[in-house]
Amino acid sequence: MKHLRKYLAELVGTAALLCVVIGSGIMAENLSSGNNGVALIANTLATVFALYVLIEAFTPLSGAHFNPAVSMVMAYRRELPLELLMGYIAAQLLGAAIGAWLAHAMFNLEILQWSTKVRSGSSQYLAEAVATAGLIFVILRSGPGKASTMVAGYIGAAYWFTASTSFANPAAVFGRMMSNTFAGIHPGYAPYFMVAEVIGGFLGLALYFALGSGADHNDT
């Protein structure tokens, strides 16, 4: 039962995150009169606020991963029991799909749909690797009680400094490929994003190990 509650927390948290990302994208596109810059600002702000709140709310329940790349890294570090990893990932993927469908239902759109939005090219995949590497590094470097602020701040920035607008999350890719809206991604390019994100996640872990867990000070 304890494990089921963790899985449920990951499912609900991921669903809420994707509902915010996709729903705010729909609202932003409806209100921005075709100005993609304004729409992206609105989408970014909603995501930042939601991430902070969701991480604060769900960390005591499941660790608030909402992201298979995060769960993989935490399992590698033995901070997540290996036997829970597949359950976490399944809950995150299902939650992402539910979040997309819920956003569509709230805006009276066809619930089941596929994105036609092309996001492809080596620069996009590199951007996803960089975004996810940075996310993992930030998570591992965040002090007690600081993860929600640091992660929300980092993702808000990464929306703008990466060519891909920083999905940084295979579950987010999975949910967004089911939404033919502002935040969507064509299913044909989703696997490349996911692979880049997993690679990036472990590169972020390697960077964390390379720099050390503490701070070195040079007093000379």
N, C-alpha and C. Protein backbone atom coordinates (compact mmCIF):
# COMPACT_ATOMS: atom_id res chain seq x y z
N MET A 1 0.84 -1.22 0.00
CA MET A 1 0.00 0.00 0.00
C MET A 1 0.87 1.26 0.00
N LYS A 2 1.98 1.23 0.76
CA LYS A 2 2.88 2.38 0.80
C LYS A 2 3.43 2.68 -0.58
N HIS A 3 3.82 1.62 -1.33
CA HIS A 3 4.35 1.82 -2.67
C HIS A 3 3.27 2.33 -3.60
N LEU A 4 2.06 1.82 -3.47
CA LEU A 4 0.96 2.27 -4.31
C LEU A 4 0.70 3.76 -4.12
N ARG A 5 0.83 4.24 -2.89
CA ARG A 5 0.64 5.67 -2.63
C ARG A 5 1.73 6.49 -3.31
N LYS A 6 2.96 5.96 -3.32
CA LYS A 6 4.04 6.66 -4.02
C LYS A 6 3.75 6.73 -5.52
N TYR A 7 3.32 5.60 -6.08
CA TYR A 7 2.99 5.59 -7.50
C TYR A 7 1.84 6.55 -7.81
N LEU A 8 0.83 6.56 -6.94
CA LEU A 8 -0.30 7.47 -7.14
C LEU A 8 0.15 8.92 -7.07
N ALA A 9 1.05 9.21 -6.14
CA ALA A 9 1.56 10.58 -6.03
C ALA A 9 2.31 10.99 -7.29
N GLU A 10 3.11 10.09 -7.85
CA GLU A 10 3.82 10.41 -9.09
C GLU A 10 2.85 10.57 -10.25
N LEU A 11 1.83 9.73 -10.29
CA LEU A 11 0.83 9.84 -11.36
C LEU A 11 0.10 11.17 -11.27
N VAL A 12 -0.40 11.51 -10.09
CA VAL A 12 -1.17 12.75 -9.92
C VAL A 12 -0.29 13.97 -10.15
N GLY A 13 0.92 13.94 -9.60
CA GLY A 13 1.81 15.08 -9.75
C GLY A 13 2.21 15.32 -11.20
N THR A 14 2.52 14.24 -11.92
CA THR A 14 2.89 14.37 -13.33
C THR A 14 1.69 14.82 -14.16
N ALA A 15 0.52 14.28 -13.84
CA ALA A 15 -0.70 14.71 -14.55
C ALA A 15 -0.94 16.20 -14.34
N ALA A 16 -0.78 16.67 -13.12
CA ALA A 16 -0.98 18.08 -12.84
C ALA A 16 0.03 18.94 -13.59
N LEU A 17 1.28 18.50 -13.61
CA LEU A 17 2.31 19.25 -14.33
C LEU A 17 2.01 19.36 -15.81
N LEU A 18 1.64 18.24 -16.43
CA LEU A 18 1.34 18.27 -17.88
C LEU A 18 0.07 19.03 -18.17
N CYS A 19 -0.89 18.96 -17.27
CA CYS A 19 -2.12 19.74 -17.44
C CYS A 19 -1.80 21.23 -17.44
N VAL A 20 -0.90 21.64 -16.57
CA VAL A 20 -0.49 23.04 -16.51
C VAL A 20 0.27 23.44 -17.78
N VAL A 21 1.24 22.62 -18.17
CA VAL A 21 2.06 22.95 -19.34
C VAL A 21 1.20 23.06 -20.59
N ILE A 22 0.35 22.07 -20.81
CA ILE A 22 -0.48 22.07 -22.02
C ILE A 22 -1.62 23.06 -21.91
N GLY A 23 -2.29 23.09 -20.76
CA GLY A 23 -3.41 24.01 -20.59
C GLY A 23 -3.00 25.46 -20.70
N SER A 24 -1.88 25.81 -20.07
CA SER A 24 -1.43 27.20 -20.16
C SER A 24 -0.98 27.54 -21.57
N GLY A 25 -0.45 26.54 -22.30
CA GLY A 25 -0.10 26.77 -23.70
C GLY A 25 -1.33 27.05 -24.55
N ILE A 26 -2.41 26.31 -24.30
CA ILE A 26 -3.66 26.54 -25.03
C ILE A 26 -4.21 27.93 -24.72
N MET A 27 -4.26 28.27 -23.43
CA MET A 27 -4.76 29.59 -23.04
C MET A 27 -3.90 30.70 -23.62
N ALA A 28 -2.58 30.52 -23.53
CA ALA A 28 -1.67 31.55 -24.04
C ALA A 28 -1.84 31.75 -25.54
N GLU A 29 -1.97 30.65 -26.27
CA GLU A 29 -2.15 30.75 -27.71
C GLU A 29 -3.47 31.42 -28.06
N ASN A 30 -4.52 31.13 -27.28
CA ASN A 30 -5.82 31.74 -27.53
C ASN A 30 -5.81 33.24 -27.31
N LEU A 31 -5.02 33.71 -26.34
CA LEU A 31 -5.07 35.11 -25.93
C LEU A 31 -3.97 35.99 -26.54
N SER A 32 -2.96 35.35 -27.15
CA SER A 32 -1.79 36.12 -27.59
C SER A 32 -1.89 36.64 -29.01
N SER A 33 -2.97 36.34 -29.69
CA SER A 33 -3.20 36.84 -31.07
C SER A 33 -2.04 36.50 -32.00
N GLY A 34 -1.52 35.28 -31.87
CA GLY A 34 -0.47 34.83 -32.77
C GLY A 34 0.93 35.24 -32.39
N ASN A 35 1.09 35.96 -31.27
CA ASN A 35 2.42 36.37 -30.82
C ASN A 35 3.03 35.24 -30.00
N ASN A 36 3.92 34.48 -30.62
CA ASN A 36 4.50 33.31 -29.95
C ASN A 36 5.37 33.68 -28.76
N GLY A 37 5.98 34.85 -28.81
CA GLY A 37 6.80 35.29 -27.69
C GLY A 37 5.96 35.51 -26.44
N VAL A 38 4.84 36.17 -26.60
CA VAL A 38 3.92 36.39 -25.47
C VAL A 38 3.38 35.06 -24.97
N ALA A 39 3.03 34.18 -25.90
CA ALA A 39 2.51 32.87 -25.50
C ALA A 39 3.55 32.09 -24.71
N LEU A 40 4.81 32.15 -25.12
CA LEU A 40 5.86 31.42 -24.41
C LEU A 40 6.09 32.00 -23.02
N ILE A 41 6.01 33.33 -22.89
CA ILE A 41 6.15 33.94 -21.57
C ILE A 41 5.06 33.42 -20.62
N ALA A 42 3.82 33.40 -21.10
CA ALA A 42 2.72 32.93 -20.27
C ALA A 42 2.89 31.45 -19.92
N ASN A 43 3.29 30.66 -20.90
CA ASN A 43 3.51 29.23 -20.69
C ASN A 43 4.64 29.00 -19.66
N THR A 44 5.68 29.80 -19.77
CA THR A 44 6.82 29.69 -18.84
C THR A 44 6.40 30.01 -17.42
N LEU A 45 5.70 31.13 -17.25
CA LEU A 45 5.31 31.54 -15.90
C LEU A 45 4.42 30.51 -15.23
N ALA A 46 3.45 29.99 -15.97
CA ALA A 46 2.55 28.98 -15.40
C ALA A 46 3.33 27.74 -14.99
N THR A 47 4.28 27.32 -15.81
CA THR A 47 5.07 26.13 -15.50
C THR A 47 5.94 26.35 -14.27
N VAL A 48 6.57 27.52 -14.18
CA VAL A 48 7.42 27.83 -13.02
C VAL A 48 6.61 27.79 -11.73
N PHE A 49 5.47 28.45 -11.72
CA PHE A 49 4.64 28.48 -10.51
C PHE A 49 4.17 27.07 -10.15
N ALA A 50 3.74 26.32 -11.17
CA ALA A 50 3.23 24.97 -10.91
C ALA A 50 4.33 24.06 -10.38
N LEU A 51 5.52 24.14 -10.96
CA LEU A 51 6.62 23.29 -10.49
C LEU A 51 6.93 23.55 -9.02
N TYR A 52 6.99 24.81 -8.65
CA TYR A 52 7.28 25.13 -7.25
C TYR A 52 6.23 24.51 -6.33
N VAL A 53 4.98 24.72 -6.64
CA VAL A 53 3.90 24.23 -5.79
C VAL A 53 3.87 22.70 -5.76
N LEU A 54 3.99 22.07 -6.92
CA LEU A 54 3.89 20.62 -6.99
C LEU A 54 5.06 19.94 -6.27
N ILE A 55 6.26 20.49 -6.43
CA ILE A 55 7.41 19.90 -5.73
C ILE A 55 7.25 20.03 -4.23
N GLU A 56 6.79 21.19 -3.78
CA GLU A 56 6.56 21.38 -2.34
C GLU A 56 5.50 20.40 -1.83
N ALA A 57 4.46 20.21 -2.60
CA ALA A 57 3.34 19.38 -2.14
C ALA A 57 3.65 17.89 -2.18
N PHE A 58 4.39 17.44 -3.19
CA PHE A 58 4.56 16.01 -3.40
C PHE A 58 5.89 15.44 -2.92
N THR A 59 6.86 16.28 -2.60
CA THR A 59 8.15 15.74 -2.14
C THR A 59 8.00 14.82 -0.94
N PRO A 60 7.19 15.16 0.07
CA PRO A 60 7.05 14.24 1.21
C PRO A 60 6.37 12.92 0.85
N LEU A 61 5.66 12.88 -0.28
CA LEU A 61 4.90 11.69 -0.64
C LEU A 61 5.69 10.71 -1.49
N SER A 62 6.40 11.24 -2.50
CA SER A 62 7.09 10.35 -3.44
C SER A 62 8.47 10.85 -3.85
N GLY A 63 8.85 12.02 -3.37
CA GLY A 63 10.08 12.64 -3.83
C GLY A 63 9.86 13.63 -4.96
N ALA A 64 8.63 13.67 -5.49
CA ALA A 64 8.26 14.63 -6.54
C ALA A 64 9.20 14.57 -7.74
N HIS A 65 9.37 13.36 -8.30
CA HIS A 65 10.21 13.23 -9.49
C HIS A 65 9.50 13.76 -10.73
N PHE A 66 8.31 13.21 -11.02
CA PHE A 66 7.50 13.57 -12.19
C PHE A 66 8.27 13.41 -13.50
N ASN A 67 9.33 12.62 -13.51
CA ASN A 67 10.27 12.63 -14.61
C ASN A 67 11.07 11.33 -14.61
N PRO A 68 10.94 10.48 -15.64
CA PRO A 68 11.69 9.23 -15.66
C PRO A 68 13.20 9.41 -15.59
N ALA A 69 13.72 10.48 -16.19
CA ALA A 69 15.16 10.71 -16.12
C ALA A 69 15.61 10.95 -14.68
N VAL A 70 14.82 11.70 -13.94
CA VAL A 70 15.12 11.93 -12.52
C VAL A 70 15.06 10.62 -11.75
N SER A 71 14.03 9.83 -11.98
CA SER A 71 13.88 8.56 -11.29
C SER A 71 15.04 7.61 -11.60
N MET A 72 15.48 7.57 -12.85
CA MET A 72 16.60 6.72 -13.23
C MET A 72 17.87 7.11 -12.48
N VAL A 73 18.12 8.40 -12.43
CA VAL A 73 19.32 8.88 -11.73
C VAL A 73 19.22 8.58 -10.24
N MET A 74 18.05 8.79 -9.65
CA MET A 74 17.88 8.53 -8.23
C MET A 74 18.00 7.03 -7.92
N ALA A 75 17.55 6.19 -8.85
CA ALA A 75 17.71 4.74 -8.66
C ALA A 75 19.19 4.37 -8.76
N TYR A 76 19.90 4.97 -9.69
CA TYR A 76 21.33 4.72 -9.81
C TYR A 76 22.07 5.12 -8.53
N ARG A 77 21.63 6.21 -7.93
CA ARG A 77 22.24 6.69 -6.68
C ARG A 77 21.70 5.96 -5.45
N ARG A 78 20.77 5.04 -5.67
CA ARG A 78 20.14 4.26 -4.61
C ARG A 78 19.33 5.12 -3.65
N GLU A 79 18.89 6.27 -4.13
CA GLU A 79 17.97 7.10 -3.37
C GLU A 79 16.53 6.72 -3.67
N LEU A 80 16.33 5.96 -4.73
CA LEU A 80 15.04 5.35 -5.05
C LEU A 80 15.29 3.85 -5.17
N PRO A 81 14.62 3.02 -4.37
CA PRO A 81 14.82 1.57 -4.48
C PRO A 81 14.60 1.10 -5.92
N LEU A 82 15.50 0.27 -6.41
CA LEU A 82 15.45 -0.16 -7.80
C LEU A 82 14.13 -0.84 -8.14
N GLU A 83 13.56 -1.55 -7.16
CA GLU A 83 12.30 -2.26 -7.44
C GLU A 83 11.13 -1.30 -7.65
N LEU A 84 11.29 -0.04 -7.30
CA LEU A 84 10.22 0.94 -7.50
C LEU A 84 10.36 1.70 -8.82
N LEU A 85 11.50 1.55 -9.49
CA LEU A 85 11.79 2.38 -10.66
C LEU A 85 10.75 2.22 -11.76
N MET A 86 10.45 0.99 -12.16
CA MET A 86 9.50 0.79 -13.26
C MET A 86 8.11 1.27 -12.89
N GLY A 87 7.73 1.10 -11.63
CA GLY A 87 6.44 1.61 -11.18
C GLY A 87 6.38 3.13 -11.25
N TYR A 88 7.47 3.79 -10.87
CA TYR A 88 7.53 5.25 -10.97
C TYR A 88 7.39 5.70 -12.43
N ILE A 89 8.16 5.05 -13.31
CA ILE A 89 8.13 5.46 -14.71
C ILE A 89 6.74 5.22 -15.32
N ALA A 90 6.14 4.08 -15.03
CA ALA A 90 4.80 3.80 -15.55
C ALA A 90 3.79 4.83 -15.05
N ALA A 91 3.88 5.18 -13.77
CA ALA A 91 2.96 6.16 -13.20
C ALA A 91 3.16 7.53 -13.85
N GLN A 92 4.43 7.89 -14.10
CA GLN A 92 4.71 9.19 -14.71
C GLN A 92 4.19 9.26 -16.14
N LEU A 93 4.37 8.20 -16.92
CA LEU A 93 3.89 8.20 -18.30
C LEU A 93 2.37 8.24 -18.36
N LEU A 94 1.73 7.43 -17.53
CA LEU A 94 0.27 7.45 -17.50
C LEU A 94 -0.24 8.81 -17.02
N GLY A 95 0.41 9.36 -16.02
CA GLY A 95 0.02 10.67 -15.51
C GLY A 95 0.15 11.75 -16.57
N ALA A 96 1.22 11.67 -17.37
CA ALA A 96 1.42 12.66 -18.44
C ALA A 96 0.29 12.61 -19.45
N ALA A 97 -0.11 11.39 -19.83
CA ALA A 97 -1.22 11.25 -20.78
C ALA A 97 -2.51 11.79 -20.19
N ILE A 98 -2.78 11.46 -18.94
CA ILE A 98 -4.00 11.95 -18.28
C ILE A 98 -4.00 13.46 -18.20
N GLY A 99 -2.84 14.04 -17.90
CA GLY A 99 -2.75 15.50 -17.83
C GLY A 99 -3.07 16.16 -19.15
N ALA A 100 -2.57 15.57 -20.24
CA ALA A 100 -2.87 16.11 -21.58
C ALA A 100 -4.36 16.02 -21.88
N TRP A 101 -4.95 14.86 -21.59
CA TRP A 101 -6.38 14.68 -21.86
C TRP A 101 -7.23 15.62 -21.01
N LEU A 102 -6.83 15.83 -19.77
CA LEU A 102 -7.58 16.73 -18.89
C LEU A 102 -7.53 18.17 -19.41
N ALA A 103 -6.36 18.59 -19.86
CA ALA A 103 -6.24 19.94 -20.43
C ALA A 103 -7.16 20.10 -21.64
N HIS A 104 -7.18 19.11 -22.51
CA HIS A 104 -8.06 19.17 -23.69
C HIS A 104 -9.52 19.26 -23.28
N ALA A 105 -9.90 18.45 -22.29
CA ALA A 105 -11.29 18.45 -21.85
C ALA A 105 -11.70 19.81 -21.29
N MET A 106 -10.81 20.46 -20.55
CA MET A 106 -11.13 21.75 -19.95
C MET A 106 -11.31 22.84 -20.99
N PHE A 107 -10.61 22.69 -22.13
CA PHE A 107 -10.72 23.70 -23.18
C PHE A 107 -11.63 23.24 -24.32
N ASN A 108 -12.42 22.20 -24.05
CA ASN A 108 -13.41 21.72 -25.01
C ASN A 108 -12.78 21.33 -26.35
N LEU A 109 -11.61 20.70 -26.27
CA LEU A 109 -10.93 20.19 -27.45
C LEU A 109 -11.14 18.69 -27.54
N GLU A 110 -10.87 18.14 -28.71
CA GLU A 110 -10.89 16.69 -28.86
C GLU A 110 -9.90 16.08 -27.87
N ILE A 111 -10.36 15.17 -27.05
CA ILE A 111 -9.50 14.66 -25.98
C ILE A 111 -8.35 13.82 -26.53
N LEU A 112 -8.62 12.92 -27.43
CA LEU A 112 -7.58 12.06 -27.99
C LEU A 112 -7.09 12.67 -29.30
N GLN A 113 -5.83 13.05 -29.32
CA GLN A 113 -5.26 13.67 -30.51
C GLN A 113 -3.75 13.44 -30.51
N TRP A 114 -3.14 13.68 -31.68
CA TRP A 114 -1.69 13.57 -31.81
C TRP A 114 -1.15 14.90 -32.33
N SER A 115 0.01 15.28 -31.88
CA SER A 115 0.60 16.54 -32.29
C SER A 115 1.17 16.45 -33.71
N THR A 116 1.08 17.53 -34.43
CA THR A 116 1.72 17.63 -35.75
C THR A 116 2.87 18.63 -35.71
N LYS A 117 3.22 19.09 -34.52
CA LYS A 117 4.25 20.13 -34.38
C LYS A 117 5.64 19.52 -34.50
N VAL A 118 6.38 19.93 -35.53
CA VAL A 118 7.71 19.38 -35.78
C VAL A 118 8.72 20.05 -34.86
N ARG A 119 9.45 19.24 -34.13
CA ARG A 119 10.59 19.70 -33.33
C ARG A 119 11.71 18.71 -33.61
N SER A 120 12.60 19.06 -34.50
CA SER A 120 13.61 18.10 -34.93
C SER A 120 14.94 18.80 -35.19
N GLY A 121 15.96 17.99 -35.37
CA GLY A 121 17.27 18.51 -35.70
C GLY A 121 18.26 18.33 -34.57
N SER A 122 19.53 18.26 -34.91
CA SER A 122 20.56 18.02 -33.90
C SER A 122 20.61 19.11 -32.84
N SER A 123 20.30 20.35 -33.23
CA SER A 123 20.32 21.43 -32.24
C SER A 123 19.24 21.23 -31.18
N GLN A 124 18.07 20.74 -31.61
CA GLN A 124 16.98 20.48 -30.67
C GLN A 124 17.35 19.35 -29.71
N TYR A 125 17.94 18.29 -30.25
CA TYR A 125 18.30 17.15 -29.40
C TYR A 125 19.43 17.53 -28.44
N LEU A 126 20.39 18.31 -28.92
CA LEU A 126 21.45 18.80 -28.04
C LEU A 126 20.86 19.66 -26.93
N ALA A 127 19.91 20.49 -27.31
CA ALA A 127 19.26 21.36 -26.32
C ALA A 127 18.59 20.55 -25.22
N GLU A 128 17.95 19.44 -25.61
CA GLU A 128 17.30 18.60 -24.60
C GLU A 128 18.31 17.91 -23.69
N ALA A 129 19.44 17.49 -24.25
CA ALA A 129 20.49 16.90 -23.42
C ALA A 129 21.03 17.92 -22.44
N VAL A 130 21.26 19.14 -22.91
CA VAL A 130 21.77 20.21 -22.04
C VAL A 130 20.75 20.56 -20.96
N ALA A 131 19.49 20.69 -21.37
CA ALA A 131 18.44 21.06 -20.42
C ALA A 131 18.31 20.03 -19.31
N THR A 132 18.34 18.74 -19.68
CA THR A 132 18.17 17.69 -18.68
C THR A 132 19.41 17.53 -17.82
N ALA A 133 20.58 17.68 -18.41
CA ALA A 133 21.82 17.65 -17.62
C ALA A 133 21.79 18.74 -16.56
N GLY A 134 21.40 19.92 -16.96
CA GLY A 134 21.31 21.03 -16.01
C GLY A 134 20.29 20.78 -14.93
N LEU A 135 19.15 20.20 -15.32
CA LEU A 135 18.11 19.91 -14.33
C LEU A 135 18.61 18.93 -13.27
N ILE A 136 19.24 17.85 -13.70
CA ILE A 136 19.74 16.85 -12.75
C ILE A 136 20.81 17.47 -11.86
N PHE A 137 21.70 18.23 -12.44
CA PHE A 137 22.75 18.87 -11.65
C PHE A 137 22.15 19.80 -10.59
N VAL A 138 21.15 20.58 -10.99
CA VAL A 138 20.50 21.50 -10.06
C VAL A 138 19.81 20.74 -8.93
N ILE A 139 19.12 19.65 -9.28
CA ILE A 139 18.45 18.85 -8.26
C ILE A 139 19.45 18.32 -7.24
N LEU A 140 20.56 17.76 -7.75
CA LEU A 140 21.55 17.16 -6.86
C LEU A 140 22.29 18.21 -6.03
N ARG A 141 22.41 19.41 -6.54
CA ARG A 141 23.12 20.47 -5.83
C ARG A 141 22.20 21.29 -4.91
N SER A 142 20.91 21.08 -5.00
CA SER A 142 20.00 21.88 -4.17
C SER A 142 20.09 21.42 -2.72
N GLY A 143 20.13 22.39 -1.82
CA GLY A 143 20.19 22.08 -0.40
C GLY A 143 18.83 21.69 0.14
N PRO A 144 18.78 21.29 1.40
CA PRO A 144 17.50 20.90 2.01
C PRO A 144 16.45 21.99 1.88
N GLY A 145 15.29 21.63 1.35
CA GLY A 145 14.20 22.57 1.22
C GLY A 145 14.32 23.56 0.08
N LYS A 146 15.37 23.42 -0.76
CA LYS A 146 15.58 24.40 -1.83
C LYS A 146 15.26 23.87 -3.22
N ALA A 147 14.96 22.57 -3.32
CA ALA A 147 14.77 21.98 -4.65
C ALA A 147 13.62 22.64 -5.41
N SER A 148 12.53 22.94 -4.74
CA SER A 148 11.37 23.50 -5.44
C SER A 148 11.71 24.85 -6.08
N THR A 149 12.42 25.69 -5.35
CA THR A 149 12.79 27.00 -5.87
C THR A 149 13.81 26.88 -6.98
N MET A 150 14.83 26.05 -6.76
CA MET A 150 15.91 25.93 -7.74
C MET A 150 15.44 25.28 -9.03
N VAL A 151 14.64 24.23 -8.92
CA VAL A 151 14.15 23.55 -10.12
C VAL A 151 13.21 24.45 -10.90
N ALA A 152 12.28 25.10 -10.21
CA ALA A 152 11.35 26.00 -10.90
C ALA A 152 12.10 27.14 -11.59
N GLY A 153 13.07 27.71 -10.90
CA GLY A 153 13.85 28.79 -11.49
C GLY A 153 14.66 28.33 -12.69
N TYR A 154 15.27 27.16 -12.57
CA TYR A 154 16.08 26.64 -13.67
C TYR A 154 15.22 26.35 -14.90
N ILE A 155 14.09 25.67 -14.71
CA ILE A 155 13.24 25.34 -15.86
C ILE A 155 12.69 26.61 -16.51
N GLY A 156 12.35 27.60 -15.69
CA GLY A 156 11.89 28.87 -16.26
C GLY A 156 12.93 29.50 -17.15
N ALA A 157 14.19 29.46 -16.71
CA ALA A 157 15.28 30.00 -17.53
C ALA A 157 15.51 29.13 -18.77
N ALA A 158 15.47 27.81 -18.58
CA ALA A 158 15.77 26.90 -19.68
C ALA A 158 14.73 26.95 -20.79
N TYR A 159 13.50 27.35 -20.47
CA TYR A 159 12.50 27.57 -21.52
C TYR A 159 13.05 28.55 -22.57
N TRP A 160 13.91 29.46 -22.13
CA TRP A 160 14.35 30.55 -23.00
C TRP A 160 15.78 30.38 -23.51
N PHE A 161 16.64 29.65 -22.80
CA PHE A 161 18.01 29.56 -23.30
C PHE A 161 18.27 28.29 -24.10
N THR A 162 17.27 27.41 -24.23
CA THR A 162 17.43 26.21 -25.06
C THR A 162 16.59 26.32 -26.32
N ALA A 163 17.09 25.74 -27.40
CA ALA A 163 16.38 25.80 -28.67
C ALA A 163 15.07 25.01 -28.64
N SER A 164 14.98 24.06 -27.72
CA SER A 164 13.82 23.16 -27.66
C SER A 164 12.76 23.62 -26.67
N THR A 165 12.99 24.72 -25.98
CA THR A 165 12.15 25.22 -24.88
C THR A 165 12.10 24.24 -23.71
N SER A 166 13.13 23.43 -23.57
CA SER A 166 13.39 22.66 -22.36
C SER A 166 12.24 21.77 -21.89
N PHE A 167 12.01 20.69 -22.63
CA PHE A 167 11.11 19.66 -22.11
C PHE A 167 11.78 19.01 -20.90
N ALA A 168 13.02 18.54 -21.08
CA ALA A 168 13.88 18.01 -20.01
C ALA A 168 13.21 16.87 -19.23
N ASN A 169 12.33 16.13 -19.89
CA ASN A 169 11.51 15.15 -19.16
C ASN A 169 10.85 14.20 -20.15
N PRO A 170 11.26 12.91 -20.19
CA PRO A 170 10.62 11.98 -21.12
C PRO A 170 9.12 11.85 -20.93
N ALA A 171 8.64 11.97 -19.70
CA ALA A 171 7.19 11.90 -19.47
C ALA A 171 6.49 13.11 -20.09
N ALA A 172 7.12 14.28 -19.99
CA ALA A 172 6.55 15.47 -20.62
C ALA A 172 6.47 15.29 -22.12
N VAL A 173 7.50 14.71 -22.72
CA VAL A 173 7.48 14.44 -24.16
C VAL A 173 6.33 13.50 -24.49
N PHE A 174 6.16 12.47 -23.68
CA PHE A 174 5.10 11.49 -23.91
C PHE A 174 3.73 12.14 -23.87
N GLY A 175 3.49 13.00 -22.90
CA GLY A 175 2.20 13.68 -22.81
C GLY A 175 2.00 14.70 -23.92
N ARG A 176 3.06 15.44 -24.23
CA ARG A 176 2.93 16.52 -25.20
C ARG A 176 2.80 16.02 -26.64
N MET A 177 3.26 14.79 -26.91
CA MET A 177 3.05 14.27 -28.26
C MET A 177 1.58 13.90 -28.49
N MET A 178 0.80 13.85 -27.42
CA MET A 178 -0.63 13.56 -27.51
C MET A 178 -1.47 14.83 -27.55
N SER A 179 -0.84 15.96 -27.79
CA SER A 179 -1.56 17.23 -27.79
C SER A 179 -1.16 18.08 -28.99
N ASN A 180 -2.08 18.28 -29.91
CA ASN A 180 -1.82 19.09 -31.09
C ASN A 180 -2.09 20.56 -30.78
N THR A 181 -1.33 21.06 -29.82
CA THR A 181 -1.50 22.43 -29.33
C THR A 181 -0.13 23.11 -29.26
N PHE A 182 -0.09 24.28 -28.65
CA PHE A 182 1.14 25.08 -28.57
C PHE A 182 2.31 24.29 -28.01
N ALA A 183 2.07 23.43 -27.02
CA ALA A 183 3.15 22.72 -26.33
C ALA A 183 3.48 21.36 -26.94
N GLY A 184 2.85 21.00 -28.04
CA GLY A 184 2.96 19.65 -28.56
C GLY A 184 4.28 19.34 -29.26
N ILE A 185 4.47 18.05 -29.55
CA ILE A 185 5.61 17.58 -30.33
C ILE A 185 5.15 16.38 -31.16
N HIS A 186 5.52 16.36 -32.41
CA HIS A 186 5.15 15.26 -33.30
C HIS A 186 5.70 13.95 -32.75
N PRO A 187 4.88 12.90 -32.69
CA PRO A 187 5.34 11.61 -32.14
C PRO A 187 6.59 11.06 -32.82
N GLY A 188 6.79 11.39 -34.09
CA GLY A 188 7.95 10.87 -34.80
C GLY A 188 9.27 11.37 -34.26
N TYR A 189 9.25 12.51 -33.59
CA TYR A 189 10.48 13.08 -33.04
C TYR A 189 10.60 12.86 -31.53
N ALA A 190 9.54 12.37 -30.92
CA ALA A 190 9.54 12.18 -29.46
C ALA A 190 10.64 11.22 -28.99
N PRO A 191 10.88 10.08 -29.67
CA PRO A 191 11.93 9.18 -29.18
C PRO A 191 13.31 9.83 -29.13
N TYR A 192 13.61 10.70 -30.09
CA TYR A 192 14.91 11.36 -30.10
C TYR A 192 15.04 12.30 -28.89
N PHE A 193 13.95 12.99 -28.58
CA PHE A 193 13.95 13.85 -27.40
C PHE A 193 14.17 13.02 -26.13
N MET A 194 13.47 11.90 -26.04
CA MET A 194 13.57 11.07 -24.84
C MET A 194 14.98 10.52 -24.64
N VAL A 195 15.57 10.02 -25.71
CA VAL A 195 16.94 9.49 -25.62
C VAL A 195 17.91 10.59 -25.22
N ALA A 196 17.79 11.75 -25.83
CA ALA A 196 18.66 12.87 -25.50
C ALA A 196 18.51 13.26 -24.03
N GLU A 197 17.29 13.20 -23.52
CA GLU A 197 17.04 13.58 -22.13
C GLU A 197 17.66 12.58 -21.15
N VAL A 198 17.55 11.30 -21.46
CA VAL A 198 18.15 10.29 -20.57
C VAL A 198 19.67 10.41 -20.58
N ILE A 199 20.25 10.59 -21.77
CA ILE A 199 21.70 10.80 -21.85
C ILE A 199 22.09 12.05 -21.08
N GLY A 200 21.33 13.13 -21.28
CA GLY A 200 21.61 14.37 -20.57
C GLY A 200 21.52 14.22 -19.07
N GLY A 201 20.54 13.43 -18.62
CA GLY A 201 20.39 13.21 -17.18
C GLY A 201 21.62 12.60 -16.57
N PHE A 202 22.20 11.60 -17.23
CA PHE A 202 23.39 10.96 -16.68
C PHE A 202 24.64 11.81 -16.88
N LEU A 203 24.63 12.68 -17.89
CA LEU A 203 25.72 13.65 -18.01
C LEU A 203 25.67 14.64 -16.85
N GLY A 204 24.46 15.03 -16.45
CA GLY A 204 24.33 15.90 -15.29
C GLY A 204 24.83 15.24 -14.03
N LEU A 205 24.55 13.94 -13.89
CA LEU A 205 25.07 13.18 -12.75
C LEU A 205 26.58 13.12 -12.78
N ALA A 206 27.15 12.90 -13.97
CA ALA A 206 28.61 12.85 -14.10
C ALA A 206 29.23 14.19 -13.73
N LEU A 207 28.59 15.27 -14.13
CA LEU A 207 29.10 16.61 -13.77
C LEU A 207 29.06 16.82 -12.27
N TYR A 208 27.99 16.36 -11.65
CA TYR A 208 27.88 16.46 -10.20
C TYR A 208 29.03 15.71 -9.52
N PHE A 209 29.32 14.50 -9.98
CA PHE A 209 30.43 13.72 -9.41
C PHE A 209 31.77 14.40 -9.68
N ALA A 210 31.92 14.94 -10.90
CA ALA A 210 33.19 15.56 -11.27
C ALA A 210 33.51 16.77 -10.41
N LEU A 211 32.48 17.54 -10.08
CA LEU A 211 32.69 18.76 -9.28
C LEU A 211 32.71 18.47 -7.79
N GLY A 212 32.24 17.31 -7.40
CA GLY A 212 32.21 16.97 -5.98
C GLY A 212 30.93 17.43 -5.32
N SER A 213 30.59 16.78 -4.25
CA SER A 213 29.33 17.09 -3.55
C SER A 213 29.44 18.32 -2.67
N GLY A 214 30.65 18.72 -2.36
CA GLY A 214 30.82 19.90 -1.51
C GLY A 214 31.42 21.05 -2.28
N ALA A 215 31.77 22.11 -1.57
CA ALA A 215 32.36 23.28 -2.20
C ALA A 215 33.82 23.38 -1.80
N ASP A 216 34.70 23.52 -2.77
CA ASP A 216 36.12 23.71 -2.51
C ASP A 216 36.42 25.21 -2.47
N HIS A 217 37.14 25.63 -1.48
CA HIS A 217 37.45 27.05 -1.33
C HIS A 217 38.95 27.27 -1.44
N ASN A 218 39.33 28.24 -2.20
CA ASN A 218 40.73 28.62 -2.34
C ASN A 218 40.96 29.90 -1.58
N ASP A 219 41.63 29.80 -0.46
CA ASP A 219 41.82 30.99 0.38
C ASP A 219 43.14 31.71 0.11
N THR A 220 43.84 31.26 -0.92
CA THR A 220 45.14 31.92 -1.18
C THR A 220 44.94 33.19 -1.95
